[in-house]
Amino acid sequence: MPLNLSDQPVEIPCPRCGMKFKEKLGRLNGKPETRCPHCDQTFTLPPHEAAKLRGAQGALDKLGKLFKK
């Protein structure tokens, strides 16, 4: 029973204008590049932030396996 948060939105602050917007976790896991809808700036999440997202999904996968037993 894998727990999947890929459709869950996460809030991201734009490094250019500072406005926050939401992006789906699953989309950021595959390609941590996004575009701010406020100022149209395209940017890549810093590696440590992208690693946190992958780590969160990995932890959920492990938790799902515990419930499956």
Protein backbone atom coordinates (compact mmCIF):
# COMPACT_ATOMS: atom_id res chain seq x y z
CA MET A 1 0.00 0.00 0.00
CA PRO A 2 2.27 2.80 -1.18
CA LEU A 3 1.44 6.23 0.12
CA ASN A 4 1.67 8.69 -2.72
CA LEU A 5 1.67 12.44 -2.36
CA SER A 6 2.45 13.23 -5.99
CA ASP A 7 -0.83 15.12 -6.41
CA GLN A 8 -0.36 17.14 -3.24
CA PRO A 9 0.52 20.79 -3.69
CA VAL A 10 3.55 22.30 -2.04
CA GLU A 11 4.11 26.02 -1.60
CA ILE A 12 7.20 27.47 -3.26
CA PRO A 13 8.57 31.00 -2.88
CA CYS A 14 9.91 32.57 -6.06
CA PRO A 15 13.57 33.61 -5.68
CA ARG A 16 13.00 36.61 -7.94
CA CYS A 17 9.76 38.27 -6.77
CA GLY A 18 9.24 36.47 -3.44
CA MET A 19 5.63 35.57 -4.20
CA LYS A 20 4.53 32.10 -3.15
CA PHE A 21 2.73 29.68 -5.44
CA LYS A 22 1.75 26.02 -5.38
CA GLU A 23 3.17 23.20 -7.45
CA LYS A 24 2.40 19.48 -7.33
CA LEU A 25 4.95 17.43 -5.45
CA GLY A 26 5.07 14.76 -8.16
CA ARG A 27 5.99 17.24 -10.85
CA LEU A 28 8.82 18.63 -8.77
CA ASN A 29 10.19 15.19 -7.96
CA GLY A 30 10.80 14.36 -11.60
CA LYS A 31 12.11 17.73 -12.77
CA PRO A 32 12.74 20.29 -10.04
CA GLU A 33 12.37 23.19 -12.48
CA THR A 34 9.34 25.43 -12.31
CA ARG A 35 8.05 28.82 -13.43
CA CYS A 36 6.63 31.53 -11.22
CA PRO A 37 3.11 32.44 -12.38
CA HIS A 38 3.55 35.96 -10.95
CA CYS A 39 6.75 37.18 -12.62
CA ASP A 40 7.30 34.43 -15.23
CA GLN A 41 10.76 33.58 -13.83
CA THR A 42 11.86 30.00 -14.54
CA PHE A 43 14.08 28.49 -11.85
CA THR A 44 15.35 25.19 -10.55
CA LEU A 45 14.83 24.22 -6.94
CA PRO A 46 18.11 24.12 -5.02
CA PRO A 47 19.50 20.57 -4.82
CA HIS A 48 18.95 20.36 -1.05
CA GLU A 49 15.26 21.28 -1.47
CA ALA A 50 14.76 18.74 -4.26
CA ALA A 51 16.46 16.11 -2.07
CA LYS A 52 14.00 16.88 0.74
CA LEU A 53 11.09 16.21 -1.60
CA ARG A 54 12.57 12.89 -2.74
CA GLY A 55 13.30 11.97 0.89
CA ALA A 56 9.72 12.67 1.91
CA GLN A 57 8.35 10.39 -0.80
CA GLY A 58 10.88 7.69 0.15
CA ALA A 59 9.79 7.86 3.79
CA LEU A 60 6.16 7.53 2.76
CA ASP A 61 6.98 4.51 0.61
CA LYS A 62 8.64 2.82 3.60
CA LEU A 63 5.67 3.65 5.82
CA GLY A 64 3.30 2.18 3.26
CA LYS A 65 5.31 -1.06 3.25
CA LEU A 66 5.00 -1.30 7.04
CA PHE A 67 1.20 -1.08 6.78
CA LYS A 68 1.18 -3.71 4.05
CA LYS A 69 2.78 -6.34 6.31
